[in-house]
């Protein structure tokens, strides 16, 4: 009887330890792969976009000689081998719509900057996101490539949607 009880306890303890370890290993690997890769790519995309800070605005531009807003997104994502459409109109229907409260680095913000219009015509890349404080890099007609905050009155009222492509 003691032998049977000992064997039963031994089998139970080995089987429970073994299964919980494998579940934990699987869980850790999945979490690391799904979270780390997009964040790493987002950092690289943002770093690349920041190389264009101060570059003047040029409609259709994608180089240091001149850059437009969708050109900045197209070029920055292309640097990480992520193909995206070239125009703001096409970018605005790419990826998944996300709530503004959920934005993180690498997400795209879309704006309607024409008076009395909600038609998207401007885009930027989120560079940092904290509660109530979202920063994004974009190419403006007046100041070229700059980083702005969504809380600025102009951008706050022009905001239309956020999308995730990573």
Protein backbone atom coordinates (compact mmCIF):
# COMPACT_ATOMS: atom_id res chain seq x y z
CA UNK A 1 0.00 0.00 0.00
CA UNK A 2 2.82 2.41 0.90
CA UNK A 3 4.58 1.56 -2.38
CA UNK A 4 1.45 2.28 -4.39
CA UNK A 5 0.90 5.60 -2.61
CA UNK A 6 4.56 6.56 -3.12
CA UNK A 7 4.40 5.74 -6.85
CA UNK A 8 1.14 7.65 -7.23
CA UNK A 9 2.60 10.75 -5.55
CA UNK A 10 5.76 10.47 -7.61
CA UNK A 11 3.85 10.22 -10.90
CA UNK A 12 1.57 13.13 -9.98
CA UNK A 13 4.43 15.42 -9.00
CA UNK A 14 6.47 14.70 -12.14
CA UNK A 15 3.56 15.05 -14.50
CA UNK A 16 2.33 18.33 -13.01
CA UNK A 17 5.80 19.92 -13.04
CA UNK A 18 6.52 18.83 -16.55
CA UNK A 19 3.31 20.13 -18.07
CA UNK A 20 3.41 23.52 -16.34
CA UNK A 21 6.98 24.12 -17.45
CA UNK A 22 6.22 23.42 -21.08
CA UNK A 23 3.16 25.69 -20.99
CA UNK A 24 5.23 28.50 -19.48
CA UNK A 25 7.98 28.07 -22.08
CA UNK A 26 5.48 28.15 -24.91
CA UNK A 27 3.73 31.17 -23.45
CA UNK A 28 6.97 33.11 -22.98
CA UNK A 29 8.16 32.43 -26.52
CA UNK A 30 4.86 33.54 -28.05
CA UNK A 31 4.76 36.75 -26.02
CA UNK A 32 8.35 37.66 -26.84
CA UNK A 33 7.92 37.02 -30.56
CA UNK A 34 4.60 38.84 -30.97
CA UNK A 35 5.52 41.94 -28.93
CA UNK A 36 9.22 42.44 -29.57
CA UNK A 37 9.33 42.21 -33.35
CA UNK A 38 6.80 44.99 -34.15
CA UNK A 39 8.32 47.28 -31.51
CA UNK A 40 11.82 46.71 -32.88
CA UNK A 41 10.61 47.46 -36.41
CA UNK A 42 8.69 50.51 -35.19
CA UNK A 43 11.83 51.91 -33.53
CA UNK A 44 13.81 51.40 -36.74
CA UNK A 45 11.09 53.02 -38.84
CA UNK A 46 10.93 56.02 -36.50
CA UNK A 47 14.72 56.37 -36.41
CA UNK A 48 14.76 56.36 -40.20
CA UNK A 49 11.96 58.96 -40.41
CA UNK A 50 13.84 61.21 -37.96
CA UNK A 51 16.74 61.38 -40.43
CA UNK A 52 14.45 63.61 -42.50
CA UNK A 53 13.67 66.12 -39.73
CA UNK A 54 14.11 69.62 -41.10
CA UNK A 55 13.80 68.52 -44.74
CA UNK A 56 11.56 70.93 -46.63
CA UNK A 57 8.15 69.96 -47.95
CA UNK A 58 7.90 68.94 -51.59
CA UNK A 59 4.73 67.51 -53.09
CA UNK A 60 5.51 63.95 -54.24
CA UNK A 61 8.93 64.05 -52.54
CA UNK A 62 10.64 61.02 -51.01
CA UNK A 63 14.22 62.23 -50.54
CA UNK A 64 16.28 64.70 -48.49
CA UNK A 65 15.73 67.22 -51.30
CA UNK A 66 12.05 67.32 -50.36
CA UNK A 67 9.43 65.16 -48.69
CA UNK A 68 5.65 65.04 -48.49
CA UNK A 69 3.66 63.38 -45.70
CA UNK A 70 2.86 60.09 -47.45
CA UNK A 71 6.37 60.01 -48.92
CA UNK A 72 7.77 60.04 -45.38
CA UNK A 73 5.60 57.07 -44.40
CA UNK A 74 6.28 55.19 -47.65
CA UNK A 75 10.06 55.71 -47.43
CA UNK A 76 10.35 54.97 -43.70
CA UNK A 77 8.42 51.70 -43.86
CA UNK A 78 10.24 50.71 -47.06
CA UNK A 79 13.52 51.01 -45.12
CA UNK A 80 12.33 47.98 -43.11
CA UNK A 81 11.10 46.09 -46.19
CA UNK A 82 7.45 46.84 -45.40
CA UNK A 83 5.67 47.82 -48.61
CA UNK A 84 2.90 50.40 -48.19
CA UNK A 85 0.85 52.42 -50.66
CA UNK A 86 2.34 55.73 -51.75
CA UNK A 87 -0.67 58.03 -51.27
CA UNK A 88 -2.41 59.21 -48.12
CA UNK A 89 -5.76 58.18 -49.59
CA UNK A 90 -4.57 54.58 -50.03
CA UNK A 91 -2.75 54.51 -46.69
CA UNK A 92 -6.00 55.52 -44.97
CA UNK A 93 -7.55 52.15 -45.86
CA UNK A 94 -4.45 50.02 -45.18
CA UNK A 95 -3.97 48.00 -41.99
CA UNK A 96 -6.45 47.92 -39.13
CA UNK A 97 -8.38 50.78 -37.59
CA UNK A 98 -7.47 51.26 -33.92
CA UNK A 99 -8.85 53.40 -31.13
CA UNK A 100 -6.75 56.44 -30.30
CA UNK A 101 -6.31 55.14 -26.73
CA UNK A 102 -4.53 52.08 -28.15
CA UNK A 103 -1.96 53.77 -30.42
CA UNK A 104 1.68 52.90 -30.04
CA UNK A 105 4.94 53.58 -31.82
CA UNK A 106 4.76 52.91 -35.53
CA UNK A 107 1.01 53.40 -35.87
CA UNK A 108 -0.29 55.88 -38.43
CA UNK A 109 -2.41 58.95 -37.62
CA UNK A 110 -4.63 60.48 -40.30
CA UNK A 111 -5.90 64.04 -40.50
CA UNK A 112 -8.29 66.20 -42.52
CA UNK A 113 -6.64 69.62 -42.74
CA UNK A 114 -8.87 71.29 -45.34
CA UNK A 115 -11.50 73.66 -43.99
CA UNK A 116 -15.01 72.18 -43.73
CA UNK A 117 -13.86 68.72 -44.83
CA UNK A 118 -13.39 65.40 -43.05
CA UNK A 119 -11.63 63.85 -46.05
CA UNK A 120 -8.21 62.50 -45.04
CA UNK A 121 -5.33 64.38 -46.67
CA UNK A 122 -2.46 64.15 -44.15
CA UNK A 123 -0.64 61.32 -42.33
CA UNK A 124 2.04 60.91 -39.67
CA UNK A 125 3.83 58.13 -37.75
CA UNK A 126 3.40 57.82 -33.97
CA UNK A 127 6.83 58.25 -32.33
CA UNK A 128 5.68 57.92 -28.72
CA UNK A 129 2.44 57.32 -26.89
CA UNK A 130 1.55 57.91 -23.27
CA UNK A 131 -1.86 58.57 -21.78
CA UNK A 132 -2.96 61.95 -23.13
CA UNK A 133 0.33 62.57 -24.94
CA UNK A 134 0.83 61.22 -28.44
CA UNK A 135 3.76 62.47 -30.53
CA UNK A 136 4.08 61.91 -34.26
CA UNK A 137 6.49 62.73 -37.07
CA UNK A 138 5.13 64.10 -40.35
CA UNK A 139 5.89 66.41 -43.25
CA UNK A 140 4.07 69.76 -43.14
CA UNK A 141 3.78 72.23 -45.98
CA UNK A 142 4.89 75.10 -43.73
CA UNK A 143 7.75 73.57 -41.68
CA UNK A 144 8.79 70.44 -43.56
CA UNK A 145 9.42 67.26 -41.56
CA UNK A 146 8.76 67.86 -37.86
CA UNK A 147 7.52 66.10 -34.74
CA UNK A 148 4.25 67.36 -33.27
CA UNK A 149 1.90 66.47 -30.43
CA UNK A 150 -1.65 65.37 -31.07
CA UNK A 151 -2.74 67.56 -28.15
CA UNK A 152 -1.86 70.69 -30.16
CA UNK A 153 -5.16 72.40 -30.98
CA UNK A 154 -4.73 72.26 -34.76
CA UNK A 155 -3.86 68.56 -34.89
CA UNK A 156 -6.40 67.59 -32.24
CA UNK A 157 -9.29 69.03 -34.25
CA UNK A 158 -7.96 67.76 -37.59
CA UNK A 159 -7.53 64.14 -36.36
CA UNK A 160 -9.70 61.59 -38.18
CA UNK A 161 -8.39 58.08 -37.45
CA UNK A 162 -5.48 55.85 -36.38
CA UNK A 163 -4.40 52.68 -38.17
CA UNK A 164 -1.95 49.87 -37.37
CA UNK A 165 0.10 48.40 -40.20
CA UNK A 166 2.74 46.54 -38.14
